[in-house]
Amino acid sequence: MATLDELIAFGELVCRLIDFRSPFTATHTSGLAATAEALGKRIGFHENGRKLLRLAAYLHDLGKLAVPLEILEKAGKFTDEEWHTMRSHVYYTFHALAALPELDQLTSWSALHQERLDGTGYPFGYTAEHLPLGARVLAVADVFVGITEDRPYRKGMPEHEARSVLADMVAKHKLDPDAVRVLFDDFETLNIIRAQAQDKARGAFEAFRQDLTPPA
């Protein structure tokens, strides 16, 4: 069995294979991994727990390898069929990771990041009592990164709007209130950590694209 550090190095490679399929997703996972690890530290995760959060983030969108690129890159509203296809990526992530029973904790954190405390999430509709803290932290970090990051088709939300979205999700019993409170307590720093990680990933993505460009 590989060490946790070896798994993290492998997970970072996998995350680039996933994200570098499209400029729409090129920096998302890197931002999530850095944010989740930093948020976990502030919540009180020990070192191995924080590393596991980073690894879970690297692998959280593994199932998107099964999603057609035209859906990943669609900037407009999904049809019902497209939305079903996009949501199915978490199911594929779960089954890919569940094939390794020694990584049960990783699977539960990584593949449940779209679940919500009130049972309205997916793929299983789990409620709060079935969601471990690692999955809750990853869910909060994923929403935070998703609304604050720039995408090719829109700018990320400013702080006041992002806080409003997250607070509303807490009020509706979607996200863990303690994890969101910790995030709010250090919002600016966590946003800088996210942005720096995504800037680094963006540079790697541009270098990757240049390497694939044939010489004139």
N, C-alpha and C. Protein backbone atom coordinates (compact mmCIF):
# COMPACT_ATOMS: atom_id res chain seq x y z
N MET A 1 0.84 -1.20 0.00
CA MET A 1 0.00 0.00 0.00
C MET A 1 0.88 1.25 0.00
N ALA A 2 0.57 2.20 -0.85
CA ALA A 2 1.34 3.43 -0.94
C ALA A 2 1.14 4.26 0.33
N THR A 3 2.12 5.12 0.63
CA THR A 3 1.98 6.04 1.75
C THR A 3 1.00 7.15 1.38
N LEU A 4 0.55 7.89 2.39
CA LEU A 4 -0.38 8.98 2.14
C LEU A 4 0.26 10.04 1.25
N ASP A 5 1.53 10.34 1.48
CA ASP A 5 2.21 11.34 0.64
C ASP A 5 2.32 10.86 -0.81
N GLU A 6 2.56 9.57 -1.00
CA GLU A 6 2.61 9.02 -2.36
C GLU A 6 1.24 9.09 -3.03
N LEU A 7 0.20 8.83 -2.26
CA LEU A 7 -1.16 8.92 -2.80
C LEU A 7 -1.51 10.36 -3.18
N ILE A 8 -1.04 11.30 -2.37
CA ILE A 8 -1.30 12.71 -2.68
C ILE A 8 -0.61 13.11 -3.98
N ALA A 9 0.64 12.67 -4.18
CA ALA A 9 1.35 12.97 -5.42
C ALA A 9 0.61 12.37 -6.62
N PHE A 10 0.13 11.15 -6.45
CA PHE A 10 -0.66 10.51 -7.52
C PHE A 10 -1.97 11.25 -7.73
N GLY A 11 -2.61 11.65 -6.62
CA GLY A 11 -3.87 12.37 -6.72
C GLY A 11 -3.73 13.69 -7.44
N GLU A 12 -2.61 14.38 -7.25
CA GLU A 12 -2.39 15.65 -7.95
C GLU A 12 -2.27 15.42 -9.46
N LEU A 13 -1.63 14.34 -9.84
CA LEU A 13 -1.55 14.00 -11.26
C LEU A 13 -2.93 13.70 -11.82
N VAL A 14 -3.72 12.92 -11.08
CA VAL A 14 -5.08 12.60 -11.53
C VAL A 14 -5.92 13.86 -11.65
N CYS A 15 -5.77 14.77 -10.71
CA CYS A 15 -6.55 16.01 -10.74
C CYS A 15 -6.24 16.82 -11.99
N ARG A 16 -4.99 16.81 -12.42
CA ARG A 16 -4.65 17.53 -13.65
C ARG A 16 -5.22 16.84 -14.89
N LEU A 17 -5.24 15.53 -14.86
CA LEU A 17 -5.86 14.80 -15.98
C LEU A 17 -7.34 15.15 -16.09
N ILE A 18 -7.98 15.33 -14.94
CA ILE A 18 -9.41 15.67 -14.93
C ILE A 18 -9.62 17.12 -15.33
N ASP A 19 -8.94 18.03 -14.64
CA ASP A 19 -9.21 19.45 -14.82
C ASP A 19 -8.69 20.01 -16.13
N PHE A 20 -7.58 19.49 -16.61
CA PHE A 20 -6.97 20.05 -17.82
C PHE A 20 -7.69 19.64 -19.09
N ARG A 21 -8.79 18.89 -18.97
CA ARG A 21 -9.60 18.59 -20.16
C ARG A 21 -10.19 19.87 -20.74
N SER A 22 -10.38 20.89 -19.93
CA SER A 22 -11.09 22.08 -20.37
C SER A 22 -10.65 23.31 -19.58
N PRO A 23 -10.59 24.48 -20.22
CA PRO A 23 -10.31 25.71 -19.48
C PRO A 23 -11.42 26.04 -18.49
N PHE A 24 -12.61 25.45 -18.65
CA PHE A 24 -13.71 25.69 -17.72
C PHE A 24 -13.43 25.08 -16.35
N THR A 25 -12.62 24.04 -16.32
CA THR A 25 -12.36 23.32 -15.06
C THR A 25 -10.88 23.33 -14.67
N ALA A 26 -10.04 24.03 -15.43
CA ALA A 26 -8.58 23.87 -15.34
C ALA A 26 -8.00 24.13 -13.95
N THR A 27 -8.63 24.97 -13.14
CA THR A 27 -8.03 25.33 -11.85
C THR A 27 -8.91 24.98 -10.65
N HIS A 28 -10.08 24.42 -10.90
CA HIS A 28 -11.05 24.22 -9.81
C HIS A 28 -10.50 23.32 -8.70
N THR A 29 -10.01 22.14 -9.07
CA THR A 29 -9.62 21.18 -8.05
C THR A 29 -8.42 21.66 -7.25
N SER A 30 -7.48 22.34 -7.90
CA SER A 30 -6.33 22.87 -7.16
C SER A 30 -6.78 23.88 -6.12
N GLY A 31 -7.73 24.73 -6.48
CA GLY A 31 -8.27 25.68 -5.52
C GLY A 31 -9.00 24.99 -4.38
N LEU A 32 -9.74 23.95 -4.72
CA LEU A 32 -10.47 23.21 -3.69
C LEU A 32 -9.53 22.50 -2.73
N ALA A 33 -8.49 21.86 -3.26
CA ALA A 33 -7.55 21.13 -2.41
C ALA A 33 -6.88 22.05 -1.41
N ALA A 34 -6.41 23.21 -1.87
CA ALA A 34 -5.75 24.15 -0.97
C ALA A 34 -6.71 24.71 0.06
N THR A 35 -7.93 25.02 -0.37
CA THR A 35 -8.92 25.58 0.54
C THR A 35 -9.37 24.56 1.58
N ALA A 36 -9.65 23.34 1.14
CA ALA A 36 -10.12 22.30 2.07
C ALA A 36 -9.06 22.00 3.13
N GLU A 37 -7.80 21.92 2.71
CA GLU A 37 -6.73 21.64 3.67
C GLU A 37 -6.60 22.78 4.67
N ALA A 38 -6.65 24.02 4.19
CA ALA A 38 -6.52 25.17 5.08
C ALA A 38 -7.72 25.29 6.01
N LEU A 39 -8.91 25.02 5.50
CA LEU A 39 -10.11 25.07 6.33
C LEU A 39 -10.06 23.96 7.38
N GLY A 40 -9.61 22.77 6.96
CA GLY A 40 -9.47 21.67 7.91
C GLY A 40 -8.53 22.00 9.04
N LYS A 41 -7.44 22.69 8.74
CA LYS A 41 -6.49 23.09 9.78
C LYS A 41 -7.16 24.01 10.79
N ARG A 42 -7.95 24.94 10.31
CA ARG A 42 -8.61 25.88 11.21
C ARG A 42 -9.70 25.21 12.04
N ILE A 43 -10.27 24.15 11.52
CA ILE A 43 -11.30 23.42 12.26
C ILE A 43 -10.68 22.50 13.30
N GLY A 44 -9.41 22.08 13.09
CA GLY A 44 -8.73 21.26 14.07
C GLY A 44 -8.33 19.88 13.59
N PHE A 45 -8.35 19.64 12.28
CA PHE A 45 -7.90 18.36 11.74
C PHE A 45 -6.40 18.20 12.01
N HIS A 46 -5.99 17.00 12.39
CA HIS A 46 -4.57 16.73 12.56
C HIS A 46 -3.90 16.65 11.19
N GLU A 47 -2.57 16.52 11.17
CA GLU A 47 -1.83 16.60 9.90
C GLU A 47 -2.31 15.57 8.89
N ASN A 48 -2.44 14.31 9.30
CA ASN A 48 -2.89 13.29 8.36
C ASN A 48 -4.31 13.55 7.88
N GLY A 49 -5.14 14.08 8.77
CA GLY A 49 -6.50 14.43 8.36
C GLY A 49 -6.52 15.52 7.31
N ARG A 50 -5.64 16.49 7.47
CA ARG A 50 -5.56 17.57 6.49
C ARG A 50 -5.04 17.04 5.15
N LYS A 51 -4.08 16.13 5.22
CA LYS A 51 -3.57 15.54 3.98
C LYS A 51 -4.66 14.73 3.28
N LEU A 52 -5.47 14.03 4.08
CA LEU A 52 -6.55 13.25 3.50
C LEU A 52 -7.60 14.15 2.86
N LEU A 53 -7.84 15.31 3.46
CA LEU A 53 -8.74 16.28 2.85
C LEU A 53 -8.20 16.73 1.49
N ARG A 54 -6.90 17.00 1.41
CA ARG A 54 -6.30 17.39 0.13
C ARG A 54 -6.47 16.29 -0.90
N LEU A 55 -6.19 15.05 -0.51
CA LEU A 55 -6.33 13.93 -1.43
C LEU A 55 -7.78 13.75 -1.86
N ALA A 56 -8.70 13.86 -0.91
CA ALA A 56 -10.13 13.74 -1.24
C ALA A 56 -10.53 14.81 -2.25
N ALA A 57 -9.99 16.01 -2.08
CA ALA A 57 -10.29 17.08 -3.03
C ALA A 57 -9.71 16.76 -4.42
N TYR A 58 -8.49 16.26 -4.46
CA TYR A 58 -7.88 15.92 -5.74
C TYR A 58 -8.73 14.92 -6.53
N LEU A 59 -9.40 14.02 -5.80
CA LEU A 59 -10.13 12.94 -6.46
C LEU A 59 -11.64 13.17 -6.52
N HIS A 60 -12.11 14.29 -6.01
CA HIS A 60 -13.56 14.47 -5.86
C HIS A 60 -14.30 14.48 -7.18
N ASP A 61 -13.66 14.90 -8.25
CA ASP A 61 -14.32 14.96 -9.56
C ASP A 61 -13.82 13.87 -10.50
N LEU A 62 -13.31 12.79 -9.95
CA LEU A 62 -12.81 11.69 -10.78
C LEU A 62 -13.86 11.23 -11.78
N GLY A 63 -15.10 11.20 -11.37
CA GLY A 63 -16.18 10.75 -12.25
C GLY A 63 -16.44 11.65 -13.43
N LYS A 64 -15.89 12.87 -13.42
CA LYS A 64 -16.10 13.77 -14.56
C LYS A 64 -15.38 13.28 -15.82
N LEU A 65 -14.47 12.31 -15.65
CA LEU A 65 -13.85 11.72 -16.84
C LEU A 65 -14.90 11.01 -17.70
N ALA A 66 -16.05 10.69 -17.10
CA ALA A 66 -17.13 10.02 -17.84
C ALA A 66 -18.15 11.01 -18.38
N VAL A 67 -17.96 12.32 -18.14
CA VAL A 67 -18.90 13.34 -18.59
C VAL A 67 -18.40 13.95 -19.90
N PRO A 68 -19.24 14.00 -20.94
CA PRO A 68 -18.81 14.58 -22.22
C PRO A 68 -18.35 16.02 -22.07
N LEU A 69 -17.34 16.39 -22.84
CA LEU A 69 -16.76 17.72 -22.74
C LEU A 69 -17.77 18.82 -23.06
N GLU A 70 -18.69 18.56 -23.98
CA GLU A 70 -19.66 19.59 -24.34
C GLU A 70 -20.58 19.94 -23.18
N ILE A 71 -20.76 19.00 -22.25
CA ILE A 71 -21.55 19.31 -21.06
C ILE A 71 -20.69 20.06 -20.04
N LEU A 72 -19.46 19.62 -19.84
CA LEU A 72 -18.56 20.31 -18.92
C LEU A 72 -18.37 21.77 -19.30
N GLU A 73 -18.38 22.05 -20.59
CA GLU A 73 -18.09 23.40 -21.07
C GLU A 73 -19.34 24.21 -21.38
N LYS A 74 -20.50 23.71 -21.04
CA LYS A 74 -21.72 24.45 -21.33
C LYS A 74 -21.88 25.58 -20.31
N ALA A 75 -21.96 26.81 -20.80
CA ALA A 75 -22.08 27.97 -19.92
C ALA A 75 -23.53 28.26 -19.57
N GLY A 76 -24.46 27.82 -20.40
CA GLY A 76 -25.87 28.10 -20.16
C GLY A 76 -26.53 27.05 -19.29
N LYS A 77 -27.85 27.12 -19.22
CA LYS A 77 -28.63 26.21 -18.39
C LYS A 77 -28.64 24.81 -18.98
N PHE A 78 -28.47 23.81 -18.13
CA PHE A 78 -28.52 22.42 -18.56
C PHE A 78 -29.96 22.00 -18.86
N THR A 79 -30.12 21.11 -19.83
CA THR A 79 -31.38 20.40 -19.97
C THR A 79 -31.48 19.38 -18.83
N ASP A 80 -32.66 18.81 -18.65
CA ASP A 80 -32.81 17.80 -17.60
C ASP A 80 -31.85 16.63 -17.82
N GLU A 81 -31.69 16.20 -19.06
CA GLU A 81 -30.79 15.08 -19.36
C GLU A 81 -29.34 15.45 -19.09
N GLU A 82 -28.95 16.66 -19.48
CA GLU A 82 -27.57 17.10 -19.24
C GLU A 82 -27.30 17.22 -17.74
N TRP A 83 -28.29 17.72 -16.99
CA TRP A 83 -28.11 17.86 -15.56
C TRP A 83 -27.97 16.49 -14.90
N HIS A 84 -28.73 15.52 -15.37
CA HIS A 84 -28.61 14.17 -14.85
C HIS A 84 -27.21 13.62 -15.14
N THR A 85 -26.71 13.86 -16.34
CA THR A 85 -25.37 13.38 -16.71
C THR A 85 -24.30 14.04 -15.85
N MET A 86 -24.41 15.34 -15.64
CA MET A 86 -23.43 16.04 -14.82
C MET A 86 -23.46 15.54 -13.37
N ARG A 87 -24.64 15.37 -12.81
CA ARG A 87 -24.76 14.89 -11.43
C ARG A 87 -24.23 13.48 -11.26
N SER A 88 -24.27 12.70 -12.33
CA SER A 88 -23.84 11.30 -12.25
C SER A 88 -22.34 11.17 -11.98
N HIS A 89 -21.58 12.25 -12.16
CA HIS A 89 -20.13 12.14 -11.98
C HIS A 89 -19.76 11.74 -10.55
N VAL A 90 -20.58 12.17 -9.58
CA VAL A 90 -20.27 11.83 -8.20
C VAL A 90 -20.51 10.34 -7.94
N TYR A 91 -21.51 9.79 -8.58
CA TYR A 91 -21.79 8.35 -8.48
C TYR A 91 -20.61 7.56 -9.03
N TYR A 92 -20.07 8.01 -10.17
CA TYR A 92 -18.91 7.33 -10.75
C TYR A 92 -17.68 7.48 -9.86
N THR A 93 -17.53 8.64 -9.26
CA THR A 93 -16.41 8.83 -8.31
C THR A 93 -16.52 7.84 -7.16
N PHE A 94 -17.72 7.71 -6.62
CA PHE A 94 -17.93 6.80 -5.50
C PHE A 94 -17.54 5.37 -5.88
N HIS A 95 -18.00 4.90 -7.01
CA HIS A 95 -17.75 3.51 -7.37
C HIS A 95 -16.28 3.27 -7.76
N ALA A 96 -15.64 4.27 -8.32
CA ALA A 96 -14.22 4.12 -8.65
C ALA A 96 -13.39 3.99 -7.38
N LEU A 97 -13.70 4.80 -6.37
CA LEU A 97 -12.94 4.77 -5.12
C LEU A 97 -13.36 3.60 -4.22
N ALA A 98 -14.63 3.21 -4.30
CA ALA A 98 -15.12 2.12 -3.46
C ALA A 98 -14.47 0.78 -3.82
N ALA A 99 -13.84 0.72 -4.98
CA ALA A 99 -13.14 -0.50 -5.38
C ALA A 99 -11.91 -0.75 -4.52
N LEU A 100 -11.53 0.25 -3.72
CA LEU A 100 -10.37 0.14 -2.83
C LEU A 100 -10.86 0.25 -1.39
N PRO A 101 -11.28 -0.88 -0.78
CA PRO A 101 -11.89 -0.82 0.55
C PRO A 101 -10.98 -0.25 1.63
N GLU A 102 -9.66 -0.32 1.41
CA GLU A 102 -8.75 0.23 2.41
C GLU A 102 -8.81 1.77 2.43
N LEU A 103 -9.48 2.35 1.44
CA LEU A 103 -9.62 3.81 1.37
C LEU A 103 -11.05 4.25 1.66
N ASP A 104 -11.73 3.53 2.54
CA ASP A 104 -13.13 3.83 2.83
C ASP A 104 -13.34 5.26 3.30
N GLN A 105 -12.46 5.74 4.17
CA GLN A 105 -12.62 7.10 4.68
C GLN A 105 -12.46 8.12 3.55
N LEU A 106 -11.47 7.89 2.71
CA LEU A 106 -11.27 8.78 1.55
C LEU A 106 -12.51 8.79 0.67
N THR A 107 -13.08 7.63 0.41
CA THR A 107 -14.26 7.53 -0.44
C THR A 107 -15.42 8.33 0.15
N SER A 108 -15.65 8.18 1.46
CA SER A 108 -16.78 8.86 2.08
C SER A 108 -16.60 10.37 2.07
N TRP A 109 -15.38 10.85 2.17
CA TRP A 109 -15.15 12.30 2.12
C TRP A 109 -15.26 12.82 0.69
N SER A 110 -14.63 12.13 -0.23
CA SER A 110 -14.51 12.62 -1.60
C SER A 110 -15.82 12.53 -2.37
N ALA A 111 -16.49 11.38 -2.29
CA ALA A 111 -17.65 11.13 -3.14
C ALA A 111 -18.94 11.70 -2.59
N LEU A 112 -18.92 12.24 -1.36
CA LEU A 112 -20.15 12.76 -0.76
C LEU A 112 -20.15 14.28 -0.70
N HIS A 113 -19.28 14.94 -1.48
CA HIS A 113 -19.17 16.39 -1.37
C HIS A 113 -20.38 17.13 -1.93
N GLN A 114 -21.25 16.44 -2.68
CA GLN A 114 -22.46 17.08 -3.19
C GLN A 114 -23.69 16.72 -2.36
N GLU A 115 -23.51 15.98 -1.29
CA GLU A 115 -24.62 15.71 -0.38
C GLU A 115 -24.90 16.95 0.47
N ARG A 116 -26.11 17.06 0.97
CA ARG A 116 -26.50 18.20 1.79
C ARG A 116 -27.13 17.70 3.09
N LEU A 117 -26.99 18.47 4.16
CA LEU A 117 -27.43 18.02 5.47
C LEU A 117 -28.92 17.68 5.52
N ASP A 118 -29.72 18.32 4.66
CA ASP A 118 -31.17 18.10 4.69
C ASP A 118 -31.61 16.96 3.78
N GLY A 119 -30.63 16.27 3.15
CA GLY A 119 -30.97 15.14 2.30
C GLY A 119 -31.29 15.48 0.86
N THR A 120 -31.10 16.73 0.45
CA THR A 120 -31.44 17.13 -0.92
C THR A 120 -30.26 17.02 -1.88
N GLY A 121 -29.10 16.57 -1.39
CA GLY A 121 -27.93 16.45 -2.26
C GLY A 121 -27.93 15.15 -3.04
N TYR A 122 -26.81 14.87 -3.65
CA TYR A 122 -26.68 13.66 -4.47
C TYR A 122 -25.26 13.11 -4.34
N PRO A 123 -25.02 11.84 -4.63
CA PRO A 123 -25.88 10.91 -5.38
C PRO A 123 -26.84 10.09 -4.54
N PHE A 124 -26.72 10.11 -3.20
CA PHE A 124 -27.51 9.18 -2.39
C PHE A 124 -28.60 9.84 -1.55
N GLY A 125 -28.61 11.16 -1.50
CA GLY A 125 -29.60 11.84 -0.68
C GLY A 125 -29.40 11.62 0.81
N TYR A 126 -28.14 11.48 1.23
CA TYR A 126 -27.83 11.28 2.65
C TYR A 126 -28.19 12.53 3.45
N THR A 127 -28.59 12.32 4.69
CA THR A 127 -28.85 13.42 5.61
C THR A 127 -27.69 13.57 6.59
N ALA A 128 -27.79 14.56 7.46
CA ALA A 128 -26.66 14.97 8.30
C ALA A 128 -26.01 13.82 9.06
N GLU A 129 -26.83 12.91 9.61
CA GLU A 129 -26.26 11.86 10.45
C GLU A 129 -25.40 10.87 9.68
N HIS A 130 -25.48 10.89 8.35
CA HIS A 130 -24.69 9.97 7.53
C HIS A 130 -23.49 10.66 6.86
N LEU A 131 -23.27 11.92 7.19
CA LEU A 131 -22.21 12.68 6.52
C LEU A 131 -21.08 12.97 7.49
N PRO A 132 -19.90 12.36 7.29
CA PRO A 132 -18.76 12.61 8.18
C PRO A 132 -18.25 14.04 8.03
N LEU A 133 -17.50 14.47 9.02
CA LEU A 133 -17.02 15.86 9.03
C LEU A 133 -16.17 16.15 7.80
N GLY A 134 -15.35 15.20 7.37
CA GLY A 134 -14.53 15.45 6.19
C GLY A 134 -15.36 15.76 4.96
N ALA A 135 -16.47 15.04 4.77
CA ALA A 135 -17.35 15.31 3.63
C ALA A 135 -18.02 16.68 3.78
N ARG A 136 -18.36 17.05 5.00
CA ARG A 136 -18.99 18.35 5.24
C ARG A 136 -18.02 19.50 4.93
N VAL A 137 -16.77 19.34 5.37
CA VAL A 137 -15.76 20.36 5.10
C VAL A 137 -15.52 20.49 3.60
N LEU A 138 -15.44 19.36 2.92
CA LEU A 138 -15.21 19.39 1.48
C LEU A 138 -16.39 20.04 0.76
N ALA A 139 -17.61 19.79 1.24
CA ALA A 139 -18.79 20.40 0.64
C ALA A 139 -18.75 21.92 0.77
N VAL A 140 -18.41 22.40 1.97
CA VAL A 140 -18.31 23.85 2.19
C VAL A 140 -17.23 24.45 1.31
N ALA A 141 -16.07 23.82 1.27
CA ALA A 141 -14.96 24.33 0.46
C ALA A 141 -15.32 24.32 -1.02
N ASP A 142 -16.04 23.29 -1.47
CA ASP A 142 -16.41 23.19 -2.88
C ASP A 142 -17.37 24.31 -3.28
N VAL A 143 -18.35 24.59 -2.45
CA VAL A 143 -19.27 25.70 -2.75
C VAL A 143 -18.51 27.02 -2.73
N PHE A 144 -17.68 27.21 -1.71
CA PHE A 144 -16.89 28.45 -1.60
C PHE A 144 -16.04 28.68 -2.84
N VAL A 145 -15.30 27.66 -3.25
CA VAL A 145 -14.44 27.81 -4.43
C VAL A 145 -15.28 28.03 -5.68
N GLY A 146 -16.36 27.28 -5.81
CA GLY A 146 -17.19 27.38 -7.00
C GLY A 146 -17.78 28.76 -7.22
N ILE A 147 -18.10 29.47 -6.13
CA ILE A 147 -18.74 30.79 -6.29
C ILE A 147 -17.74 31.93 -6.29
N THR A 148 -16.53 31.71 -5.79
CA THR A 148 -15.54 32.80 -5.75
C THR A 148 -14.53 32.75 -6.88
N GLU A 149 -14.37 31.60 -7.53
CA GLU A 149 -13.39 31.50 -8.61
C GLU A 149 -13.92 32.13 -9.89
N ASP A 150 -12.99 32.62 -10.72
CA ASP A 150 -13.36 33.10 -12.06
C ASP A 150 -13.51 31.90 -12.99
N ARG A 151 -14.49 31.95 -13.85
CA ARG A 151 -14.67 30.98 -14.91
C ARG A 151 -14.58 31.73 -16.25
N PRO A 152 -14.33 31.03 -17.37
CA PRO A 152 -14.24 31.73 -18.65
C PRO A 152 -15.51 32.51 -19.00
N TYR A 153 -16.65 32.13 -18.45
CA TYR A 153 -17.92 32.76 -18.82
C TYR A 153 -18.47 33.70 -17.75
N ARG A 154 -17.77 33.84 -16.58
CA ARG A 154 -18.24 34.77 -15.55
C ARG A 154 -17.16 34.99 -14.50
N LYS A 155 -17.27 36.13 -13.82
CA LYS A 155 -16.35 36.46 -12.74
C LYS A 155 -16.85 35.83 -11.44
N GLY A 156 -15.90 35.56 -10.54
CA GLY A 156 -16.28 35.04 -9.23
C GLY A 156 -16.99 36.10 -8.40
N MET A 157 -17.77 35.66 -7.44
CA MET A 157 -18.53 36.58 -6.58
C MET A 157 -17.59 37.35 -5.65
N PRO A 158 -17.90 38.61 -5.38
CA PRO A 158 -17.17 39.33 -4.32
C PRO A 158 -17.56 38.77 -2.96
N GLU A 159 -16.80 39.15 -1.94
CA GLU A 159 -16.97 38.56 -0.62
C GLU A 159 -18.39 38.68 -0.08
N HIS A 160 -18.99 39.84 -0.19
CA HIS A 160 -20.32 40.01 0.42
C HIS A 160 -21.36 39.11 -0.21
N GLU A 161 -21.26 38.88 -1.53
CA GLU A 161 -22.21 37.99 -2.20
C GLU A 161 -21.95 36.54 -1.83
N ALA A 162 -20.67 36.16 -1.77
CA ALA A 162 -20.33 34.79 -1.41
C ALA A 162 -20.78 34.48 0.02
N ARG A 163 -20.57 35.42 0.92
CA ARG A 163 -21.03 35.21 2.30
C ARG A 163 -22.55 35.01 2.34
N SER A 164 -23.26 35.79 1.55
CA SER A 164 -24.72 35.69 1.53
C SER A 164 -25.19 34.32 1.05
N VAL A 165 -24.54 33.81 -0.02
CA VAL A 165 -24.89 32.50 -0.55
C VAL A 165 -24.65 31.41 0.48
N LEU A 166 -23.48 31.44 1.10
CA LEU A 166 -23.13 30.42 2.09
C LEU A 166 -24.03 30.51 3.32
N ALA A 167 -24.33 31.71 3.78
CA ALA A 167 -25.21 31.88 4.94
C ALA A 167 -26.60 31.36 4.63
N ASP A 168 -27.07 31.60 3.42
CA ASP A 168 -28.39 31.11 3.02
C ASP A 168 -28.42 29.58 3.00
N MET A 169 -27.32 28.96 2.55
CA MET A 169 -27.27 27.50 2.52
C MET A 169 -27.22 26.91 3.92
N VAL A 170 -26.58 27.62 4.85
CA VAL A 170 -26.60 27.20 6.25
C VAL A 170 -28.01 27.31 6.81
N ALA A 171 -28.68 28.44 6.54
CA ALA A 171 -30.03 28.66 7.04
C ALA A 171 -31.01 27.59 6.54
N LYS A 172 -30.76 27.11 5.32
CA LYS A 172 -31.63 26.08 4.73
C LYS A 172 -31.16 24.66 5.06
N HIS A 173 -30.21 24.55 5.96
CA HIS A 173 -29.69 23.26 6.43
C HIS A 173 -29.06 22.46 5.28
N LYS A 174 -28.31 23.17 4.45
CA LYS A 174 -27.59 22.51 3.35
C LYS A 174 -26.14 22.22 3.74
N LEU A 175 -25.50 23.20 4.38
CA LEU A 175 -24.07 23.12 4.70
C LEU A 175 -23.85 23.15 6.20
N ASP A 176 -22.72 22.57 6.62
CA ASP A 176 -22.38 22.50 8.03
C ASP A 176 -22.16 23.91 8.59
N PRO A 177 -22.92 24.31 9.60
CA PRO A 177 -22.80 25.69 10.11
C PRO A 177 -21.47 25.98 10.77
N ASP A 178 -20.88 24.99 11.45
CA ASP A 178 -19.60 25.23 12.12
C ASP A 178 -18.48 25.44 11.10
N ALA A 179 -18.48 24.64 10.04
CA ALA A 179 -17.45 24.79 9.01
C ALA A 179 -17.58 26.13 8.30
N VAL A 180 -18.81 26.56 8.04
CA VAL A 180 -19.02 27.86 7.40
C VAL A 180 -18.61 28.99 8.35
N ARG A 181 -18.90 28.85 9.63
CA ARG A 181 -18.50 29.87 10.60
C ARG A 181 -16.98 30.04 10.63
N VAL A 182 -16.26 28.91 10.63
CA VAL A 182 -14.80 28.97 10.62
C VAL A 182 -14.31 29.64 9.34
N LEU A 183 -14.93 29.32 8.23
CA LEU A 183 -14.57 29.95 6.96
C LEU A 183 -14.80 31.47 7.04
N PHE A 184 -15.95 31.87 7.56
CA PHE A 184 -16.26 33.30 7.67
C PHE A 184 -15.25 34.02 8.56
N ASP A 185 -14.77 33.33 9.60
CA ASP A 185 -13.83 33.96 10.53
C ASP A 185 -12.50 34.31 9.86
N ASP A 186 -12.18 33.63 8.77
CA ASP A 186 -10.91 33.90 8.09
C ASP A 186 -11.13 33.91 6.57
N PHE A 187 -12.21 34.52 6.17
CA PHE A 187 -12.63 34.50 4.76
C PHE A 187 -11.54 35.04 3.84
N GLU A 188 -11.00 36.19 4.17
CA GLU A 188 -10.04 36.84 3.27
C GLU A 188 -8.80 35.98 3.05
N THR A 189 -8.26 35.43 4.14
CA THR A 189 -7.06 34.60 4.01
C THR A 189 -7.35 33.34 3.19
N LEU A 190 -8.47 32.69 3.46
CA LEU A 190 -8.82 31.48 2.70
C LEU A 190 -9.05 31.81 1.23
N ASN A 191 -9.59 32.97 0.95
CA ASN A 191 -9.79 33.36 -0.44
C ASN A 191 -8.45 33.61 -1.14
N ILE A 192 -7.49 34.16 -0.40
CA ILE A 192 -6.14 34.34 -0.97
C ILE A 192 -5.49 32.99 -1.24
N ILE A 193 -5.63 32.06 -0.30
CA ILE A 193 -5.08 30.71 -0.48
C ILE A 193 -5.68 30.06 -1.72
N ARG A 194 -7.00 30.18 -1.87
CA ARG A 194 -7.66 29.64 -3.07
C ARG A 194 -7.10 30.27 -4.34
N ALA A 195 -7.04 31.60 -4.36
CA ALA A 195 -6.60 32.31 -5.56
C ALA A 195 -5.16 31.97 -5.93
N GLN A 196 -4.29 31.89 -4.93
CA GLN A 196 -2.89 31.57 -5.21
C GLN A 196 -2.75 30.17 -5.78
N ALA A 197 -3.48 29.21 -5.22
CA ALA A 197 -3.43 27.84 -5.73
C ALA A 197 -3.95 27.78 -7.16
N GLN A 198 -4.98 28.55 -7.45
CA GLN A 198 -5.56 28.53 -8.80
C GLN A 198 -4.68 29.27 -9.80
N ASP A 199 -4.00 30.32 -9.36
CA ASP A 199 -3.05 31.00 -10.23
C ASP A 199 -1.92 30.06 -10.64
N LYS A 200 -1.44 29.28 -9.67
CA LYS A 200 -0.38 28.31 -9.96
C LYS A 200 -0.88 27.24 -10.94
N ALA A 201 -2.09 26.76 -10.73
CA ALA A 201 -2.66 25.75 -11.63
C ALA A 201 -2.90 26.34 -13.02
N ARG A 202 -3.29 27.60 -13.07
CA ARG A 202 -3.52 28.24 -14.37
C ARG A 202 -2.22 28.33 -15.17
N GLY A 203 -1.13 28.63 -14.48
CA GLY A 203 0.16 28.67 -15.16
C GLY A 203 0.55 27.30 -15.68
N ALA A 204 0.30 26.26 -14.89
CA ALA A 204 0.61 24.90 -15.33
C ALA A 204 -0.25 24.51 -16.52
N PHE A 205 -1.52 24.95 -16.51
CA PHE A 205 -2.42 24.63 -17.61
C PHE A 205 -1.97 25.32 -18.90
N GLU A 206 -1.58 26.58 -18.81
CA GLU A 206 -1.13 27.30 -20.00
C GLU A 206 0.15 26.67 -20.56
N ALA A 207 1.06 26.25 -19.68
CA ALA A 207 2.27 25.57 -20.13
C ALA A 207 1.93 24.24 -20.80
N PHE A 208 0.96 23.55 -20.24
CA PHE A 208 0.49 22.28 -20.81
C PHE A 208 -0.06 22.51 -22.21
N ARG A 209 -0.87 23.54 -22.38
CA ARG A 209 -1.45 23.83 -23.71
C ARG A 209 -0.38 24.22 -24.72
N GLN A 210 0.61 24.96 -24.26
CA GLN A 210 1.69 25.35 -25.17
C GLN A 210 2.49 24.16 -25.63
N ASP A 211 2.70 23.21 -24.70
CA ASP A 211 3.44 22.00 -25.06
C ASP A 211 2.70 21.18 -26.11
N LEU A 212 1.38 21.29 -26.13
CA LEU A 212 0.57 20.54 -27.09
C LEU A 212 0.40 21.26 -28.42
N THR A 213 0.80 22.53 -28.45
CA THR A 213 0.65 23.32 -29.68
C THR A 213 1.78 23.02 -30.64
N PRO A 214 1.47 22.54 -31.85
CA PRO A 214 2.54 22.23 -32.79
C PRO A 214 3.28 23.50 -33.23
N PRO A 215 4.57 23.41 -33.49
CA PRO A 215 5.34 24.59 -33.92
C PRO A 215 4.83 25.12 -35.26
N ALA A 216 4.94 26.42 -35.43
CA ALA A 216 4.44 27.04 -36.67
C ALA A 216 5.33 26.64 -37.86
